Amino acid sequence: MSSIDVIDLRDFYSQRLGIVARQLINRGIHARWPGAEGQRVLGIGYPTPYLGLFREDAERCIAFMPAAQGVLKWPTARPTLASLVDEFSMPLPDAAVDRVLLVHALEMSDDPAGLLREVWRVLAPSGRVIAVIPNRRGVWTRTDNTPFGHGRPYSRSQITQLLRQTWFTPTAWSEALFMPPFAHGWFLRSAMAWERVGAVLSLPVAGVHIVEATKQVYRAIPAHRERTRLIPALEPVLVPSSTATRISPPSPLAREGA
């Protein structure tokens, strides 16, 4: 699994192709979460290009970036709201946030199930998650000139299985980045037309899945069958007693008398 660091991510989103990709993905996120007034929003991975949707309205909006990736100051001209963290042990109490946005996170993680279980812990009982995940069948995963070509891409069935085994229920799906990942002017100018055609025809070649999920508060706990402990049979062993009376051999005179 190829890795990518925070400098590569920053550079991509400062280029024309990255700016267009951000606009198209933001469109999909905004369709599910048109606002976050009074909500506590947490972004994980490299979510800062997308957290601008919620920063002004949310009660609190912060970004956690994993240690292996690195962290950049965000926002650049305001007090810092981004922090470098251990993605499997986040510095938050249980049920601390209302919404979690995962971008460049699950596909980059060495343990995506462990990451989602930690997200489950910090998410409020009525909380919701949106994950932006590279599409296994998409064109964007076939090239490494964008961040979506790094890490492990997923199919829809793989995402569903991962969410369910980590106590989430998928509730809504959409896709983005139907346009090819080319930075040429014509492709960039026609990006919105690609999105509309791809969505109408349900083309399977979108660059990313955008999936919303809710937290399962009452999750099923598998029953573990009690294992019988087997005790091996022991063979009896005769051990000399330390208190036994010692019998001396008969003296020569006694033998002669006999």
Protein backbone atom coordinates (compact mmCIF):
# COMPACT_ATOMS: atom_id res chain seq x y z
CA MET A 1 0.00 0.00 0.00
CA SER A 2 1.67 3.21 -1.19
CA SER A 3 1.76 6.07 1.27
CA ILE A 4 1.34 9.80 0.85
CA ASP A 5 2.22 12.58 3.26
CA VAL A 6 0.65 15.87 4.17
CA ILE A 7 2.89 17.88 1.82
CA ASP A 8 1.77 15.84 -1.19
CA LEU A 9 -1.86 16.32 -0.16
CA ARG A 10 -1.45 20.07 0.25
CA ASP A 11 0.27 20.37 -3.13
CA PHE A 12 -2.48 18.40 -4.90
CA TYR A 13 -5.27 20.60 -3.54
CA SER A 14 -3.39 23.75 -4.56
CA GLN A 15 -3.35 22.63 -8.23
CA ARG A 16 -6.17 23.10 -10.73
CA LEU A 17 -7.12 19.41 -10.75
CA GLY A 18 -7.22 19.35 -6.94
CA ILE A 19 -9.38 22.49 -6.81
CA VAL A 20 -11.90 20.91 -9.19
CA ALA A 21 -11.85 17.62 -7.27
CA ARG A 22 -12.55 19.49 -4.03
CA GLN A 23 -15.49 21.31 -5.58
CA LEU A 24 -17.05 18.09 -6.90
CA ILE A 25 -16.62 16.19 -3.64
CA ASN A 26 -17.86 19.16 -1.61
CA ARG A 27 -20.97 19.07 -3.78
CA GLY A 28 -21.62 15.47 -2.72
CA ILE A 29 -20.94 16.16 0.96
CA HIS A 30 -23.17 19.23 0.99
CA ALA A 31 -26.03 17.24 -0.53
CA ARG A 32 -26.03 15.00 2.57
CA TRP A 33 -25.10 17.63 5.17
CA PRO A 34 -26.34 21.05 3.99
CA GLY A 35 -25.44 22.57 7.35
CA ALA A 36 -24.03 21.82 10.77
CA GLU A 37 -25.46 24.56 12.97
CA GLY A 38 -24.80 23.81 16.63
CA GLN A 39 -23.02 20.54 15.77
CA ARG A 40 -19.61 19.34 16.90
CA VAL A 41 -17.78 18.30 13.70
CA LEU A 42 -14.58 16.24 13.55
CA GLY A 43 -12.59 15.65 10.36
CA ILE A 44 -10.12 12.75 10.22
CA GLY A 45 -7.36 12.06 7.69
CA TYR A 46 -6.81 15.12 5.51
CA PRO A 47 -10.26 16.72 5.75
CA THR A 48 -9.35 20.41 5.77
CA PRO A 49 -10.24 21.11 2.11
CA TYR A 50 -13.80 20.06 3.00
CA LEU A 51 -14.31 21.31 6.57
CA GLY A 52 -14.87 24.83 5.27
CA LEU A 53 -18.46 23.72 4.64
CA PHE A 54 -19.06 23.57 8.40
CA ARG A 55 -16.47 25.76 10.13
CA GLU A 56 -18.60 28.92 10.29
CA ASP A 57 -21.85 27.29 11.49
CA ALA A 58 -20.67 24.42 13.67
CA GLU A 59 -20.38 24.75 17.42
CA ARG A 60 -16.93 23.25 17.09
CA CYS A 61 -14.99 22.10 14.02
CA ILE A 62 -11.61 20.39 14.37
CA ALA A 63 -9.31 18.24 12.25
CA PHE A 64 -7.30 15.21 13.38
CA MET A 65 -4.47 14.05 11.14
CA PRO A 66 -2.72 10.71 11.72
CA ALA A 67 0.88 10.69 12.88
CA ALA A 68 2.11 8.70 9.86
CA GLN A 69 0.80 11.40 7.50
CA GLY A 70 1.81 14.56 9.32
CA VAL A 71 -0.11 17.74 10.09
CA LEU A 72 -0.34 21.25 8.69
CA LYS A 73 -1.67 24.35 10.39
CA TRP A 74 -5.37 24.89 9.68
CA PRO A 75 -6.85 27.41 9.23
CA THR A 76 -3.79 29.32 8.12
CA ALA A 77 -4.84 32.79 9.35
CA ARG A 78 -6.76 31.82 12.49
CA PRO A 79 -6.11 29.89 15.72
CA THR A 80 -5.14 26.32 14.93
CA LEU A 81 -7.93 23.74 14.77
CA ALA A 82 -5.83 20.84 13.44
CA SER A 83 -3.86 18.38 15.53
CA LEU A 84 -1.55 15.39 15.02
CA VAL A 85 -3.02 12.32 16.75
CA ASP A 86 -2.82 8.58 17.15
CA GLU A 87 -5.78 7.55 14.99
CA PHE A 88 -6.50 4.56 17.25
CA SER A 89 -6.47 6.56 20.49
CA MET A 90 -7.93 10.00 19.87
CA PRO A 91 -7.70 12.62 22.64
CA LEU A 92 -11.48 12.87 23.07
CA PRO A 93 -13.91 11.44 25.61
CA ASP A 94 -16.65 9.03 24.59
CA ALA A 95 -19.56 10.49 22.55
CA ALA A 96 -17.75 13.83 22.16
CA VAL A 97 -18.75 14.76 18.58
CA ASP A 98 -21.94 14.79 16.50
CA ARG A 99 -20.50 14.31 13.02
CA VAL A 100 -17.32 12.79 11.62
CA LEU A 101 -15.94 13.39 8.13
CA LEU A 102 -13.37 10.84 6.91
CA VAL A 103 -11.28 11.90 3.90
CA HIS A 104 -7.97 10.27 2.88
CA ALA A 105 -8.34 8.19 6.01
CA LEU A 106 -9.71 4.65 5.64
CA GLU A 107 -7.80 3.80 2.48
CA MET A 108 -4.55 5.05 4.07
CA SER A 109 -4.96 3.33 7.44
CA ASP A 110 -3.07 0.15 8.36
CA ASP A 111 -6.13 -0.90 10.39
CA PRO A 112 -9.32 0.64 8.97
CA ALA A 113 -11.53 -1.45 11.27
CA GLY A 114 -9.61 -0.20 14.30
CA LEU A 115 -9.96 3.39 13.09
CA LEU A 116 -13.73 3.02 12.67
CA ARG A 117 -14.10 1.52 16.13
CA GLU A 118 -12.36 4.56 17.56
CA VAL A 119 -14.70 6.77 15.51
CA TRP A 120 -17.62 4.81 16.99
CA ARG A 121 -16.31 5.56 20.49
CA VAL A 122 -16.03 9.34 20.07
CA LEU A 123 -19.30 9.70 18.12
CA ALA A 124 -22.52 10.63 19.94
CA PRO A 125 -25.36 8.05 19.93
CA SER A 126 -27.27 10.04 17.29
CA GLY A 127 -24.09 10.88 15.38
CA ARG A 128 -23.45 10.49 11.68
CA VAL A 129 -20.39 9.74 9.58
CA ILE A 130 -19.53 10.61 5.99
CA ALA A 131 -16.60 8.74 4.44
CA VAL A 132 -15.05 9.69 1.11
CA ILE A 133 -13.37 6.52 -0.17
CA PRO A 134 -11.65 5.76 -3.50
CA ASN A 135 -13.72 3.55 -5.77
CA ARG A 136 -12.04 0.27 -6.63
CA ARG A 137 -13.48 0.39 -10.16
CA GLY A 138 -12.79 4.06 -10.75
CA VAL A 139 -10.29 5.62 -13.13
CA TRP A 140 -8.76 7.80 -10.40
CA THR A 141 -7.34 4.77 -8.57
CA ARG A 142 -5.42 3.67 -11.69
CA THR A 143 -2.95 6.53 -11.52
CA ASP A 144 -0.82 7.80 -8.65
CA ASN A 145 -0.74 11.47 -9.71
CA THR A 146 -3.60 12.17 -7.28
CA PRO A 147 -4.09 11.13 -3.62
CA PHE A 148 -6.98 8.89 -4.67
CA GLY A 149 -4.51 6.61 -6.44
CA HIS A 150 -2.76 5.79 -3.15
CA GLY A 151 -3.81 3.40 -0.42
CA ARG A 152 -6.44 0.69 -0.71
CA PRO A 153 -9.56 1.41 -2.83
CA TYR A 154 -12.89 -0.19 -1.95
CA SER A 155 -15.95 -1.54 -3.71
CA ARG A 156 -19.40 -0.73 -2.34
CA SER A 157 -19.80 -4.23 -0.90
CA GLN A 158 -16.42 -3.99 0.85
CA ILE A 159 -17.38 -0.65 2.42
CA THR A 160 -20.70 -2.08 3.58
CA GLN A 161 -19.00 -5.06 5.19
CA LEU A 162 -16.40 -2.86 6.89
CA LEU A 163 -19.03 -0.50 8.30
CA ARG A 164 -21.27 -3.26 9.59
CA GLN A 165 -18.48 -5.12 11.32
CA THR A 166 -17.50 -1.89 13.11
CA TRP A 167 -21.07 -1.14 14.31
CA PHE A 168 -22.22 1.35 11.67
CA THR A 169 -25.25 1.22 9.36
CA PRO A 170 -24.85 2.71 5.84
CA THR A 171 -27.79 5.03 5.13
CA ALA A 172 -26.96 6.88 1.88
CA TRP A 173 -24.62 6.54 -1.10
CA SER A 174 -23.40 8.80 -3.83
CA GLU A 175 -20.36 9.11 -6.09
CA ALA A 176 -18.12 11.88 -7.36
CA LEU A 177 -15.22 12.41 -9.77
CA PHE A 178 -16.69 10.88 -12.93
CA MET A 179 -14.31 12.97 -15.04
CA PRO A 180 -10.89 11.46 -15.88
CA PRO A 181 -8.02 12.67 -13.66
CA PHE A 182 -6.47 14.89 -16.33
CA ALA A 183 -5.43 18.47 -15.66
CA HIS A 184 -6.10 19.58 -19.24
CA GLY A 185 -8.30 22.64 -19.68
CA TRP A 186 -11.14 20.94 -21.57
CA PHE A 187 -11.59 18.20 -18.97
CA LEU A 188 -11.58 20.71 -16.13
CA ARG A 189 -14.09 23.00 -17.85
CA SER A 190 -16.44 20.07 -18.56
CA ALA A 191 -16.15 18.53 -15.07
CA MET A 192 -19.72 19.36 -14.05
CA ALA A 193 -21.10 17.84 -17.25
CA TRP A 194 -19.19 14.62 -16.50
CA GLU A 195 -20.73 14.57 -13.02
CA ARG A 196 -24.29 15.00 -14.27
CA VAL A 197 -23.96 12.33 -16.97
CA GLY A 198 -22.25 9.91 -14.61
CA ALA A 199 -24.91 10.34 -11.93
CA VAL A 200 -27.83 9.99 -14.36
CA LEU A 201 -26.41 6.87 -16.00
CA SER A 202 -25.11 5.41 -12.70
CA LEU A 203 -21.72 4.80 -14.28
CA PRO A 204 -19.45 2.56 -12.17
CA VAL A 205 -16.27 4.52 -12.93
CA ALA A 206 -16.59 7.35 -10.38
CA GLY A 207 -13.40 8.23 -8.58
CA VAL A 208 -14.83 8.09 -5.04
CA HIS A 209 -17.72 6.75 -3.02
CA ILE A 210 -19.40 9.18 -0.62
CA VAL A 211 -21.17 7.08 1.99
CA GLU A 212 -23.14 8.27 5.01
CA ALA A 213 -23.56 5.96 8.00
CA THR A 214 -25.11 6.09 11.45
CA LYS A 215 -23.83 4.65 14.69
CA GLN A 216 -25.42 1.43 15.95
CA VAL A 217 -26.02 2.16 19.62
CA TYR A 218 -27.36 -1.30 20.46
CA ARG A 219 -24.96 -3.54 18.62
CA ALA A 220 -25.06 -7.31 18.68
CA ILE A 221 -22.46 -8.93 20.89
CA PRO A 222 -21.43 -12.36 19.64
CA ALA A 223 -21.78 -15.19 22.15
CA HIS A 224 -18.55 -16.96 22.93
CA ARG A 225 -18.82 -20.61 23.77
CA GLU A 226 -17.04 -21.54 26.96
CA ARG A 227 -14.10 -23.71 26.13
CA THR A 228 -13.61 -26.78 28.25
CA ARG A 229 -10.24 -26.92 29.85
CA LEU A 230 -8.67 -30.29 29.36
CA ILE A 231 -6.55 -31.61 32.24
CA PRO A 232 -4.11 -34.31 31.14
CA ALA A 233 -4.12 -37.62 33.03
CA LEU A 234 -1.06 -38.04 35.19
CA GLU A 235 0.77 -41.34 35.60
CA PRO A 236 1.50 -42.19 39.27
CA VAL A 237 5.13 -41.76 40.22
CA LEU A 238 6.68 -43.34 43.29
CA VAL A 239 8.78 -40.84 45.17
CA PRO A 240 10.96 -41.95 48.09
CA SER A 241 9.76 -40.47 51.36
CA SER A 242 12.23 -38.38 53.28
CA THR A 243 10.80 -39.71 56.59
CA ALA A 244 11.20 -43.40 55.77
CA THR A 245 13.30 -45.46 58.24
CA ARG A 246 16.67 -46.31 56.85
CA ILE A 247 17.55 -50.04 57.15
CA SER A 248 21.25 -50.76 57.59
CA PRO A 249 22.75 -53.88 56.00
CA PRO A 250 23.56 -56.75 58.42
CA SER A 251 27.07 -56.82 59.90
CA PRO A 252 29.54 -59.56 58.94
CA LEU A 253 29.26 -61.08 62.44
CA ALA A 254 25.55 -61.37 62.12
CA ARG A 255 25.98 -63.18 58.81
CA GLU A 256 28.48 -65.60 60.35
CA GLY A 257 26.15 -66.30 63.26
CA ALA A 258 23.40 -67.12 60.82
